[in-house]
PDB file of N, CA and C in Angstrom:
ATOM      1  N   MET A   1     111.208  88.103  71.294  1.00  0.00           N
ATOM      2  CA  MET A   1     109.768  88.199  71.261  1.00  0.00           C
ATOM      3  C   MET A   1     109.373  89.335  70.313  1.00  0.00           C
ATOM      4  N   ARG A   2     108.434  89.087  69.453  1.00  0.00           N
ATOM      5  CA  ARG A   2     107.987  90.061  68.467  1.00  0.00           C
ATOM      6  C   ARG A   2     106.997  91.050  69.072  1.00  0.00           C
ATOM      7  N   GLU A   3     107.125  92.316  68.740  1.00  0.00           N
ATOM      8  CA  GLU A   3     106.215  93.364  69.217  1.00  0.00           C
ATOM      9  C   GLU A   3     104.844  93.190  68.568  1.00  0.00           C
ATOM     10  N   ARG A   4     103.780  93.159  69.394  1.00  0.00           N
ATOM     11  CA  ARG A   4     102.425  92.950  68.875  1.00  0.00           C
ATOM     12  C   ARG A   4     101.545  94.181  69.003  1.00  0.00           C
ATOM     13  N   ARG A   5     102.060  95.250  69.558  1.00  0.00           N
ATOM     14  CA  ARG A   5     101.237  96.449  69.748  1.00  0.00           C
ATOM     15  C   ARG A   5     100.872  97.076  68.416  1.00  0.00           C
ATOM     16  N   ARG A   6      99.631  97.569  68.353  1.00  0.00           N
ATOM     17  CA  ARG A   6      99.144  98.223  67.140  1.00  0.00           C
ATOM     18  C   ARG A   6      99.449  99.716  67.133  1.00  0.00           C
ATOM     19  N   ALA A   7      99.737 100.299  68.284  1.00  0.00           N
ATOM     20  CA  ALA A   7      99.974 101.739  68.371  1.00  0.00           C
ATOM     21  C   ALA A   7     101.145 102.012  69.307  1.00  0.00           C
ATOM     22  N   HIS A   8     101.824 103.113  69.075  1.00  0.00           N
ATOM     23  CA  HIS A   8     102.940 103.517  69.923  1.00  0.00           C
ATOM     24  C   HIS A   8     102.435 103.857  71.323  1.00  0.00           C
ATOM     25  N   ARG A   9     103.175 103.444  72.324  1.00  0.00           N
ATOM     26  CA  ARG A   9     102.818 103.760  73.707  1.00  0.00           C
ATOM     27  C   ARG A   9     103.658 104.921  74.203  1.00  0.00           C
ATOM     28  N   TYR A  10     103.024 105.769  75.001  1.00  0.00           N
ATOM     29  CA  TYR A  10     103.688 106.927  75.585  1.00  0.00           C
ATOM     30  C   TYR A  10     103.722 106.765  77.092  1.00  0.00           C
ATOM     31  N   GLU A  11     104.911 106.958  77.687  1.00  0.00           N
ATOM     32  CA  GLU A  11     105.017 106.892  79.141  1.00  0.00           C
ATOM     33  C   GLU A  11     104.284 108.080  79.741  1.00  0.00           C
ATOM     34  N   LEU A  12     103.456 107.795  80.713  1.00  0.00           N
ATOM     35  CA  LEU A  12     102.667 108.834  81.366  1.00  0.00           C
ATOM     36  C   LEU A  12     102.401 108.360  82.788  1.00  0.00           C
ATOM     37  N   TYR A  13     103.074 108.965  83.747  1.00  0.00           N
ATOM     38  CA  TYR A  13     102.962 108.531  85.136  1.00  0.00           C
ATOM     39  C   TYR A  13     102.084 109.508  85.909  1.00  0.00           C
ATOM     40  N   MET A  14     100.907 109.026  86.338  1.00  0.00           N
ATOM     41  CA  MET A  14     100.000 109.866  87.114  1.00  0.00           C
ATOM     42  C   MET A  14      98.940 108.996  87.782  1.00  0.00           C
ATOM     43  N   PRO A  15      98.282 109.542  88.815  1.00  0.00           N
ATOM     44  CA  PRO A  15      97.200 108.794  89.466  1.00  0.00           C
ATOM     45  C   PRO A  15      96.061 108.537  88.485  1.00  0.00           C
ATOM     46  N   LEU A  16      95.376 107.436  88.728  1.00  0.00           N
ATOM     47  CA  LEU A  16      94.314 106.978  87.841  1.00  0.00           C
ATOM     48  C   LEU A  16      93.197 106.396  88.694  1.00  0.00           C
ATOM     49  N   GLN A  17      91.961 106.766  88.408  1.00  0.00           N
ATOM     50  CA  GLN A  17      90.808 106.137  89.061  1.00  0.00           C
ATOM     51  C   GLN A  17      90.339 104.998  88.161  1.00  0.00           C
ATOM     52  N   VAL A  18      90.118 103.833  88.755  1.00  0.00           N
ATOM     53  CA  VAL A  18      89.682 102.661  88.006  1.00  0.00           C
ATOM     54  C   VAL A  18      88.389 102.146  88.629  1.00  0.00           C
ATOM     55  N   VAL A  19      87.385 101.947  87.791  1.00  0.00           N
ATOM     56  CA  VAL A  19      86.127 101.335  88.235  1.00  0.00           C
ATOM     57  C   VAL A  19      86.004 100.026  87.475  1.00  0.00           C
ATOM     58  N   THR A  20      85.810  98.937  88.218  1.00  0.00           N
ATOM     59  CA  THR A  20      85.722  97.611  87.610  1.00  0.00           C
ATOM     60  C   THR A  20      84.359  96.998  87.841  1.00  0.00           C
ATOM     61  N   GLY A  21      83.973  96.108  86.938  1.00  0.00           N
ATOM     62  CA  GLY A  21      82.742  95.349  87.100  1.00  0.00           C
ATOM     63  C   GLY A  21      81.539  96.037  86.506  1.00  0.00           C
ATOM     64  N   ALA A  22      80.409  95.329  86.577  1.00  0.00           N
ATOM     65  CA  ALA A  22      79.141  95.858  86.085  1.00  0.00           C
ATOM     66  C   ALA A  22      78.732  97.046  86.945  1.00  0.00           C
ATOM     67  N   SER A  23      78.001  97.988  86.376  1.00  0.00           N
ATOM     68  CA  SER A  23      77.672  99.230  87.082  1.00  0.00           C
ATOM     69  C   SER A  23      76.961  98.989  88.412  1.00  0.00           C
ATOM     70  N   ARG A  24      76.150  97.974  88.495  1.00  0.00           N
ATOM     71  CA  ARG A  24      75.416  97.705  89.738  1.00  0.00           C
ATOM     72  C   ARG A  24      76.340  97.200  90.846  1.00  0.00           C
ATOM     73  N   TYR A  25      77.403  96.490  90.475  1.00  0.00           N
ATOM     74  CA  TYR A  25      78.324  95.912  91.453  1.00  0.00           C
ATOM     75  C   TYR A  25      79.739  96.436  91.262  1.00  0.00           C
ATOM     76  N   SER A  26      79.877  97.663  90.817  1.00  0.00           N
ATOM     77  CA  SER A  26      81.196  98.200  90.496  1.00  0.00           C
ATOM     78  C   SER A  26      81.999  98.512  91.754  1.00  0.00           C
ATOM     79  N   GLN A  27      83.322  98.496  91.574  1.00  0.00           N
ATOM     80  CA  GLN A  27      84.253  98.828  92.643  1.00  0.00           C
ATOM     81  C   GLN A  27      85.227  99.870  92.110  1.00  0.00           C
ATOM     82  N   ALA A  28      85.445 100.930  92.895  1.00  0.00           N
ATOM     83  CA  ALA A  28      86.375 101.983  92.498  1.00  0.00           C
ATOM     84  C   ALA A  28      87.673 101.839  93.280  1.00  0.00           C
ATOM     85  N   GLN A  29      88.780 102.192  92.631  1.00  0.00           N
ATOM     86  CA  GLN A  29      90.088 102.141  93.271  1.00  0.00           C
ATOM     87  C   GLN A  29      91.012 103.159  92.626  1.00  0.00           C
ATOM     88  N   THR A  30      92.072 103.493  93.340  1.00  0.00           N
ATOM     89  CA  THR A  30      93.098 104.360  92.794  1.00  0.00           C
ATOM     90  C   THR A  30      94.261 103.487  92.354  1.00  0.00           C
ATOM     91  N   ALA A  31      94.791 103.781  91.189  1.00  0.00           N
ATOM     92  CA  ALA A  31      95.941 103.057  90.646  1.00  0.00           C
ATOM     93  C   ALA A  31      96.911 104.102  90.090  1.00  0.00           C
ATOM     94  N   HIS A  32      97.953 103.643  89.392  1.00  0.00           N
ATOM     95  CA  HIS A  32      98.943 104.554  88.828  1.00  0.00           C
ATOM     96  C   HIS A  32      99.148 104.229  87.361  1.00  0.00           C
ATOM     97  N   LEU A  33      98.804 105.175  86.512  1.00  0.00           N
ATOM     98  CA  LEU A  33      98.984 105.029  85.076  1.00  0.00           C
ATOM     99  C   LEU A  33     100.474 104.976  84.766  1.00  0.00           C
ATOM    100  N   ARG A  34     100.867 104.053  83.892  1.00  0.00           N
ATOM    101  CA  ARG A  34     102.273 103.936  83.497  1.00  0.00           C
ATOM    102  C   ARG A  34     102.491 104.296  82.042  1.00  0.00           C
ATOM    103  N   ASP A  35     101.598 103.849  81.164  1.00  0.00           N
ATOM    104  CA  ASP A  35     101.690 104.271  79.767  1.00  0.00           C
ATOM    105  C   ASP A  35     100.331 104.191  79.096  1.00  0.00           C
ATOM    106  N   ILE A  36     100.264 104.853  77.947  1.00  0.00           N
ATOM    107  CA  ILE A  36      98.984 104.998  77.241  1.00  0.00           C
ATOM    108  C   ILE A  36      99.230 104.974  75.739  1.00  0.00           C
ATOM    109  N   SER A  37      98.238 104.501  75.008  1.00  0.00           N
ATOM    110  CA  SER A  37      98.254 104.582  73.545  1.00  0.00           C
ATOM    111  C   SER A  37      96.835 104.895  73.096  1.00  0.00           C
ATOM    112  N   THR A  38      96.631 104.975  71.799  1.00  0.00           N
ATOM    113  CA  THR A  38      95.283 105.238  71.294  1.00  0.00           C
ATOM    114  C   THR A  38      94.355 104.059  71.506  1.00  0.00           C
ATOM    115  N   HIS A  39      94.912 102.875  71.803  1.00  0.00           N
ATOM    116  CA  HIS A  39      94.099 101.671  71.961  1.00  0.00           C
ATOM    117  C   HIS A  39      94.080 101.100  73.377  1.00  0.00           C
ATOM    118  N   GLY A  40      94.853 101.699  74.301  1.00  0.00           N
ATOM    119  CA  GLY A  40      94.852 101.109  75.625  1.00  0.00           C
ATOM    120  C   GLY A  40      95.712 101.830  76.632  1.00  0.00           C
ATOM    121  N   VAL A  41      95.701 101.276  77.845  1.00  0.00           N
ATOM    122  CA  VAL A  41      96.500 101.804  78.951  1.00  0.00           C
ATOM    123  C   VAL A  41      97.152 100.642  79.679  1.00  0.00           C
ATOM    124  N   TYR A  42      98.229 100.955  80.395  1.00  0.00           N
ATOM    125  CA  TYR A  42      98.853 100.001  81.307  1.00  0.00           C
ATOM    126  C   TYR A  42      98.997 100.734  82.625  1.00  0.00           C
ATOM    127  N   PHE A  43      98.463 100.130  83.694  1.00  0.00           N
ATOM    128  CA  PHE A  43      98.533 100.769  85.000  1.00  0.00           C
ATOM    129  C   PHE A  43      98.915  99.757  86.064  1.00  0.00           C
ATOM    130  N   VAL A  44      99.384 100.287  87.200  1.00  0.00           N
ATOM    131  CA  VAL A  44      99.802  99.467  88.329  1.00  0.00           C
ATOM    132  C   VAL A  44      98.789  99.640  89.452  1.00  0.00           C
ATOM    133  N   SER A  45      98.347  98.505  90.008  1.00  0.00           N
ATOM    134  CA  SER A  45      97.306  98.505  91.023  1.00  0.00           C
ATOM    135  C   SER A  45      97.692  97.571  92.178  1.00  0.00           C
ATOM    136  N   GLU A  46      97.165  97.858  93.348  1.00  0.00           N
ATOM    137  CA  GLU A  46      97.331  96.942  94.475  1.00  0.00           C
ATOM    138  C   GLU A  46      96.317  95.808  94.412  1.00  0.00           C
ATOM    139  N   ASN A  47      95.320  95.937  93.538  1.00  0.00           N
ATOM    140  CA  ASN A  47      94.265  94.940  93.412  1.00  0.00           C
ATOM    141  C   ASN A  47      94.414  94.142  92.133  1.00  0.00           C
ATOM    142  N   CYS A  48      94.101  92.883  92.210  1.00  0.00           N
ATOM    143  CA  CYS A  48      94.133  91.989  91.060  1.00  0.00           C
ATOM    144  C   CYS A  48      92.879  92.234  90.211  1.00  0.00           C
ATOM    145  N   ILE A  49      93.080  92.547  88.937  1.00  0.00           N
ATOM    146  CA  ILE A  49      91.956  92.749  88.014  1.00  0.00           C
ATOM    147  C   ILE A  49      92.095  91.699  86.919  1.00  0.00           C
ATOM    148  N   ALA A  50      91.226  90.734  86.940  1.00  0.00           N
ATOM    149  CA  ALA A  50      91.327  89.587  86.029  1.00  0.00           C
ATOM    150  C   ALA A  50      91.096  90.004  84.576  1.00  0.00           C
ATOM    151  N   PRO A  51      91.832  89.396  83.648  1.00  0.00           N
ATOM    152  CA  PRO A  51      91.553  89.632  82.231  1.00  0.00           C
ATOM    153  C   PRO A  51      90.089  89.330  81.924  1.00  0.00           C
ATOM    154  N   GLY A  52      89.489  90.173  81.088  1.00  0.00           N
ATOM    155  CA  GLY A  52      88.082  90.041  80.751  1.00  0.00           C
ATOM    156  C   GLY A  52      87.177  90.954  81.565  1.00  0.00           C
ATOM    157  N   THR A  53      87.716  91.537  82.653  1.00  0.00           N
ATOM    158  CA  THR A  53      86.928  92.427  83.500  1.00  0.00           C
ATOM    159  C   THR A  53      86.724  93.772  82.803  1.00  0.00           C
ATOM    160  N   ASP A  54      85.493  94.278  82.821  1.00  0.00           N
ATOM    161  CA  ASP A  54      85.222  95.618  82.290  1.00  0.00           C
ATOM    162  C   ASP A  54      85.889  96.650  83.189  1.00  0.00           C
ATOM    163  N   VAL A  55      86.529  97.656  82.574  1.00  0.00           N
ATOM    164  CA  VAL A  55      87.182  98.718  83.340  1.00  0.00           C
ATOM    165  C   VAL A  55      86.812 100.073  82.754  1.00  0.00           C
ATOM    166  N   ASP A  56      86.619 101.024  83.642  1.00  0.00           N
ATOM    167  CA  ASP A  56      86.485 102.433  83.278  1.00  0.00           C
ATOM    168  C   ASP A  56      87.611 103.154  83.990  1.00  0.00           C
ATOM    169  N   VAL A  57      88.381 103.942  83.247  1.00  0.00           N
ATOM    170  CA  VAL A  57      89.510 104.665  83.823  1.00  0.00           C
ATOM    171  C   VAL A  57      89.284 106.160  83.671  1.00  0.00           C
ATOM    172  N   THR A  58      89.764 106.923  84.654  1.00  0.00           N
ATOM    173  CA  THR A  58      89.644 108.377  84.629  1.00  0.00           C
ATOM    174  C   THR A  58      90.938 108.967  85.177  1.00  0.00           C
ATOM    175  N   PHE A  59      91.473 109.951  84.456  1.00  0.00           N
ATOM    176  CA  PHE A  59      92.644 110.672  84.944  1.00  0.00           C
ATOM    177  C   PHE A  59      92.584 112.100  84.415  1.00  0.00           C
ATOM    178  N   THR A  60      93.421 112.964  84.986  1.00  0.00           N
ATOM    179  CA  THR A  60      93.419 114.374  84.617  1.00  0.00           C
ATOM    180  C   THR A  60      94.752 114.753  84.000  1.00  0.00           C
ATOM    181  N   LEU A  61      94.700 115.295  82.779  1.00  0.00           N
ATOM    182  CA  LEU A  61      95.898 115.835  82.150  1.00  0.00           C
ATOM    183  C   LEU A  61      96.107 117.242  82.696  1.00  0.00           C
ATOM    184  N   PRO A  62      97.308 117.541  83.178  1.00  0.00           N
ATOM    185  CA  PRO A  62      97.538 118.866  83.766  1.00  0.00           C
ATOM    186  C   PRO A  62      97.574 119.957  82.695  1.00  0.00           C
ATOM    187  N   PRO A  63      97.423 121.221  83.116  1.00  0.00           N
ATOM    188  CA  PRO A  63      97.528 122.330  82.169  1.00  0.00           C
ATOM    189  C   PRO A  63      98.911 122.343  81.511  1.00  0.00           C
ATOM    190  N   GLU A  64      98.974 122.888  80.314  1.00  0.00           N
ATOM    191  CA  GLU A  64     100.254 123.036  79.627  1.00  0.00           C
ATOM    192  C   GLU A  64     100.171 124.269  78.732  1.00  0.00           C
ATOM    193  N   ARG A  65     101.275 124.596  78.096  1.00  0.00           N
ATOM    194  CA  ARG A  65     101.300 125.763  77.217  1.00  0.00           C
ATOM    195  C   ARG A  65     100.244 125.608  76.122  1.00  0.00           C
ATOM    196  N   GLY A  66      99.443 126.632  75.927  1.00  0.00           N
ATOM    197  CA  GLY A  66      98.380 126.576  74.931  1.00  0.00           C
ATOM    198  C   GLY A  66      97.068 126.034  75.471  1.00  0.00           C
ATOM    199  N   ARG A  67      97.114 125.418  76.654  1.00  0.00           N
ATOM    200  CA  ARG A  67      95.903 124.872  77.293  1.00  0.00           C
ATOM    201  C   ARG A  67      96.033 125.165  78.782  1.00  0.00           C
ATOM    202  N   PRO A  68      95.503 126.319  79.224  1.00  0.00           N
ATOM    203  CA  PRO A  68      95.745 126.750  80.604  1.00  0.00           C
ATOM    204  C   PRO A  68      94.989 125.956  81.673  1.00  0.00           C
ATOM    205  N   GLU A  69      94.027 125.125  81.271  1.00  0.00           N
ATOM    206  CA  GLU A  69      93.263 124.363  82.260  1.00  0.00           C
ATOM    207  C   GLU A  69      93.463 122.869  82.046  1.00  0.00           C
ATOM    208  N   SER A  70      93.267 122.109  83.102  1.00  0.00           N
ATOM    209  CA  SER A  70      93.398 120.656  83.017  1.00  0.00           C
ATOM    210  C   SER A  70      92.243 120.054  82.206  1.00  0.00           C
ATOM    211  N   VAL A  71      92.461 118.845  81.714  1.00  0.00           N
ATOM    212  CA  VAL A  71      91.444 118.131  80.932  1.00  0.00           C
ATOM    213  C   VAL A  71      91.216 116.773  81.577  1.00  0.00           C
ATOM    214  N   LEU A  72      89.964 116.442  81.827  1.00  0.00           N
ATOM    215  CA  LEU A  72      89.592 115.146  82.372  1.00  0.00           C
ATOM    216  C   LEU A  72      89.494 114.142  81.224  1.00  0.00           C
ATOM    217  N   VAL A  73      90.128 112.986  81.377  1.00  0.00           N
ATOM    218  CA  VAL A  73      90.096 111.940  80.347  1.00  0.00           C
ATOM    219  C   VAL A  73      89.415 110.713  80.942  1.00  0.00           C
ATOM    220  N   ARG A  74      88.424 110.204  80.225  1.00  0.00           N
ATOM    221  CA  ARG A  74      87.722 108.985  80.647  1.00  0.00           C
ATOM    222  C   ARG A  74      87.824 107.960  79.536  1.00  0.00           C
ATOM    223  N   GLY A  75      88.047 106.708  79.920  1.00  0.00           N
ATOM    224  CA  GLY A  75      88.111 105.635  78.943  1.00  0.00           C
ATOM    225  C   GLY A  75      87.359 104.409  79.433  1.00  0.00           C
ATOM    226  N   SER A  76      86.779 103.673  78.496  1.00  0.00           N
ATOM    227  CA  SER A  76      86.051 102.444  78.824  1.00  0.00           C
ATOM    228  C   SER A  76      86.614 101.310  78.000  1.00  0.00           C
ATOM    229  N   GLY A  77      86.792 100.165  78.653  1.00  0.00           N
ATOM    230  CA  GLY A  77      87.321  99.012  77.941  1.00  0.00           C
ATOM    231  C   GLY A  77      87.310  97.764  78.783  1.00  0.00           C
ATOM    232  N   ARG A  78      88.339  96.929  78.566  1.00  0.00           N
ATOM    233  CA  ARG A  78      88.401  95.621  79.218  1.00  0.00           C
ATOM    234  C   ARG A  78      89.849  95.270  79.535  1.00  0.00           C
ATOM    235  N   ALA A  79      90.076  94.717  80.723  1.00  0.00           N
ATOM    236  CA  ALA A  79      91.413  94.235  81.083  1.00  0.00           C
ATOM    237  C   ALA A  79      91.767  93.053  80.183  1.00  0.00           C
ATOM    238  N   ILE A  80      92.989  93.048  79.647  1.00  0.00           N
ATOM    239  CA  ILE A  80      93.396  91.967  78.741  1.00  0.00           C
ATOM    240  C   ILE A  80      94.597  91.179  79.249  1.00  0.00           C
ATOM    241  N   ARG A  81      95.337  91.753  80.207  1.00  0.00           N
ATOM    242  CA  ARG A  81      96.508  91.041  80.737  1.00  0.00           C
ATOM    243  C   ARG A  81      96.771  91.483  82.161  1.00  0.00           C
ATOM    244  N   LEU A  82      97.265  90.561  82.983  1.00  0.00           N
ATOM    245  CA  LEU A  82      97.608  90.840  84.365  1.00  0.00           C
ATOM    246  C   LEU A  82      99.038  90.363  84.608  1.00  0.00           C
ATOM    247  N   ASP A  83      99.886  91.257  85.105  1.00  0.00           N
ATOM    248  CA  ASP A  83     101.273  90.924  85.444  1.00  0.00           C
ATOM    249  C   ASP A  83     101.450  91.061  86.946  1.00  0.00           C
ATOM    250  N   ARG A  84     102.092  90.090  87.561  1.00  0.00           N
ATOM    251  CA  ARG A  84     102.430  90.211  88.986  1.00  0.00           C
ATOM    252  C   ARG A  84     103.764  90.940  89.085  1.00  0.00           C
ATOM    253  N   LEU A  85     103.790  92.001  89.903  1.00  0.00           N
ATOM    254  CA  LEU A  85     104.985  92.824  90.052  1.00  0.00           C
ATOM    255  C   LEU A  85     105.465  92.765  91.491  1.00  0.00           C
ATOM    256  N   PRO A  86     106.773  92.861  91.712  1.00  0.00           N
ATOM    257  CA  PRO A  86     107.259  92.892  93.093  1.00  0.00           C
ATOM    258  C   PRO A  86     106.887  94.218  93.740  1.00  0.00           C
ATOM    259  N   GLY A  87     106.557  94.167  95.029  1.00  0.00           N
ATOM    260  CA  GLY A  87     106.212  95.384  95.769  1.00  0.00           C
ATOM    261  C   GLY A  87     106.837  95.359  97.141  1.00  0.00           C
ATOM    262  N   ASP A  88     107.223  96.520  97.665  1.00  0.00           N
ATOM    263  CA  ASP A  88     107.841  96.603  98.988  1.00  0.00           C
ATOM    264  C   ASP A  88     106.863  96.278 100.111  1.00  0.00           C
ATOM    265  N   SER A  89     105.620  96.730  99.980  1.00  0.00           N
ATOM    266  CA  SER A  89     104.661  96.531 101.067  1.00  0.00           C
ATOM    267  C   SER A  89     103.578  95.522 100.714  1.00  0.00           C
ATOM    268  N   GLY A  90     103.794  94.720  99.699  1.00  0.00           N
ATOM    269  CA  GLY A  90     102.810  93.721  99.299  1.00  0.00           C
ATOM    270  C   GLY A  90     102.799  93.576  97.795  1.00  0.00           C
ATOM    271  N   PRO A  91     101.968  92.680  97.298  1.00  0.00           N
ATOM    272  CA  PRO A  91     101.947  92.448  95.849  1.00  0.00           C
ATOM    273  C   PRO A  91     101.354  93.630  95.087  1.00  0.00           C
ATOM    274  N   LEU A  92     101.882  93.848  93.900  1.00  0.00           N
ATOM    275  CA  LEU A  92     101.348  94.827  92.971  1.00  0.00           C
ATOM    276  C   LEU A  92     101.022  94.112  91.671  1.00  0.00           C
ATOM    277  N   PHE A  93     100.105  94.680  90.921  1.00  0.00           N
ATOM    278  CA  PHE A  93      99.687  94.059  89.671  1.00  0.00           C
ATOM    279  C   PHE A  93      99.745  95.086  88.547  1.00  0.00           C
ATOM    280  N   GLY A  94     100.355  94.691  87.450  1.00  0.00           N
ATOM    281  CA  GLY A  94     100.331  95.507  86.245  1.00  0.00           C
ATOM    282  C   GLY A  94      99.149  95.048  85.411  1.00  0.00           C
ATOM    283  N   VAL A  95      98.322  95.975  84.990  1.00  0.00           N
ATOM    284  CA  VAL A  95      97.117  95.643  84.240  1.00  0.00           C
ATOM    285  C   VAL A  95      97.171  96.334  82.875  1.00  0.00           C
ATOM    286  N   ALA A  96      97.076  95.539  81.828  1.00  0.00           N
ATOM    287  CA  ALA A  96      96.947  96.082  80.475  1.00  0.00           C
ATOM    288  C   ALA A  96      95.468  96.042  80.134  1.00  0.00           C
ATOM    289  N   ALA A  97      94.957  97.169  79.666  1.00  0.00           N
ATOM    290  CA  ALA A  97      93.537  97.249  79.311  1.00  0.00           C
ATOM    291  C   ALA A  97      93.381  97.813  77.909  1.00  0.00           C
ATOM    292  N   ALA A  98      92.570  97.142  77.108  1.00  0.00           N
ATOM    293  CA  ALA A  98      92.208  97.657  75.790  1.00  0.00           C
ATOM    294  C   ALA A  98      91.071  98.648  76.007  1.00  0.00           C
ATOM    295  N   ILE A  99      91.236  99.849  75.487  1.00  0.00           N
ATOM    296  CA  ILE A  99      90.230 100.891  75.662  1.00  0.00           C
ATOM    297  C   ILE A  99      89.473 101.069  74.352  1.00  0.00           C
ATOM    298  N   ASN A 100      88.159 100.948  74.423  1.00  0.00           N
ATOM    299  CA  ASN A 100      87.310 101.089  73.246  1.00  0.00           C
ATOM    300  C   ASN A 100      87.041 102.548  72.893  1.00  0.00           C
ATOM    301  N   ARG A 101      87.040 103.395  73.927  1.00  0.00           N
ATOM    302  CA  ARG A 101      86.678 104.792  73.703  1.00  0.00           C
ATOM    303  C   ARG A 101      87.318 105.675  74.762  1.00  0.00           C
ATOM    304  N   PHE A 102      87.914 106.779  74.329  1.00  0.00           N
ATOM    305  CA  PHE A 102      88.397 107.828  75.220  1.00  0.00           C
ATOM    306  C   PHE A 102      87.515 109.053  75.026  1.00  0.00           C
ATOM    307  N   ASP A 103      87.125 109.698  76.129  1.00  0.00           N
ATOM    308  CA  ASP A 103      86.403 110.966  76.085  1.00  0.00           C
ATOM    309  C   ASP A 103      87.257 112.013  76.791  1.00  0.00           C
ATOM    310  N   PHE A 104      87.392 113.186  76.176  1.00  0.00           N
ATOM    311  CA  PHE A 104      88.149 114.293  76.736  1.00  0.00           C
ATOM    312  C   PHE A 104      87.158 115.365  77.152  1.00  0.00           C
ATOM    313  N   ILE A 105      87.159 115.702  78.434  1.00  0.00           N
ATOM    314  CA  ILE A 105      86.151 116.606  78.977  1.00  0.00           C
ATOM    315  C   ILE A 105      86.836 117.897  79.405  1.00  0.00           C
ATOM    316  N   GLN A 106      86.516 118.975  78.705  1.00  0.00           N
ATOM    317  CA  GLN A 106      87.058 120.290  79.007  1.00  0.00           C
ATOM    318  C   GLN A 106      86.401 120.833  80.277  1.00  0.00           C
ATOM    319  N   PRO A 107      87.049 121.737  80.991  1.00  0.00           N
ATOM    320  CA  PRO A 107      86.486 122.243  82.251  1.00  0.00           C
ATOM    321  C   PRO A 107      85.065 122.783  82.136  1.00  0.00           C
ATOM    322  N   GLY A 108      84.708 123.457  81.063  1.00  0.00           N
ATOM    323  CA  GLY A 108      83.365 123.996  80.891  1.00  0.00           C
ATOM    324  C   GLY A 108      82.306 122.934  80.624  1.00  0.00           C
ATOM    325  N   GLN A 109      82.729 121.713  80.288  1.00  0.00           N
ATOM    326  CA  GLN A 109      81.799 120.635  79.975  1.00  0.00           C
ATOM    327  C   GLN A 109      81.477 119.764  81.172  1.00  0.00           C
ATOM    328  N   ARG A 110      82.188 119.917  82.263  1.00  0.00           N
ATOM    329  CA  ARG A 110      82.014 119.039  83.417  1.00  0.00           C
ATOM    330  C   ARG A 110      80.675 119.274  84.088  1.00  0.00           C
ATOM    331  N   ALA A 111      80.074 118.162  84.497  1.00  0.00           N
ATOM    332  CA  ALA A 111      78.797 118.249  85.220  1.00  0.00           C
ATOM    333  C   ALA A 111      79.039 118.732  86.636  1.00  0.00           C
ATOM    334  N   ALA A 112      78.105 119.455  87.188  1.00  0.00           N
ATOM    335  CA  ALA A 112      78.238 119.993  88.549  1.00  0.00           C
ATOM    336  C   ALA A 112      78.037 118.912  89.574  1.00  0.00           C
TER     337      ALA A 112
END
């Protein structure tokens, strides 16, 4: 199978907040980020998110050398693929989402 990705993916395992659907009828859930690129994310969820569904994702990058505080990352896009994964306590779903925009929010920029 030929690789179709436009950007290199980086493994990044951390909790992820996912909001799906239109803002008036949105649903929030916790998932687990598995990898990220400049154009998208892949995460594992207990909930089925159909391709074509609007998604907003939020996660926190921990502090590191040169950056003593964490950074909040928000992205908006659309689910493009759904994979069924085996799970010990029930079904899990791998969701690939194309992200149109990432915003990086420094601690001083966060709303109260």
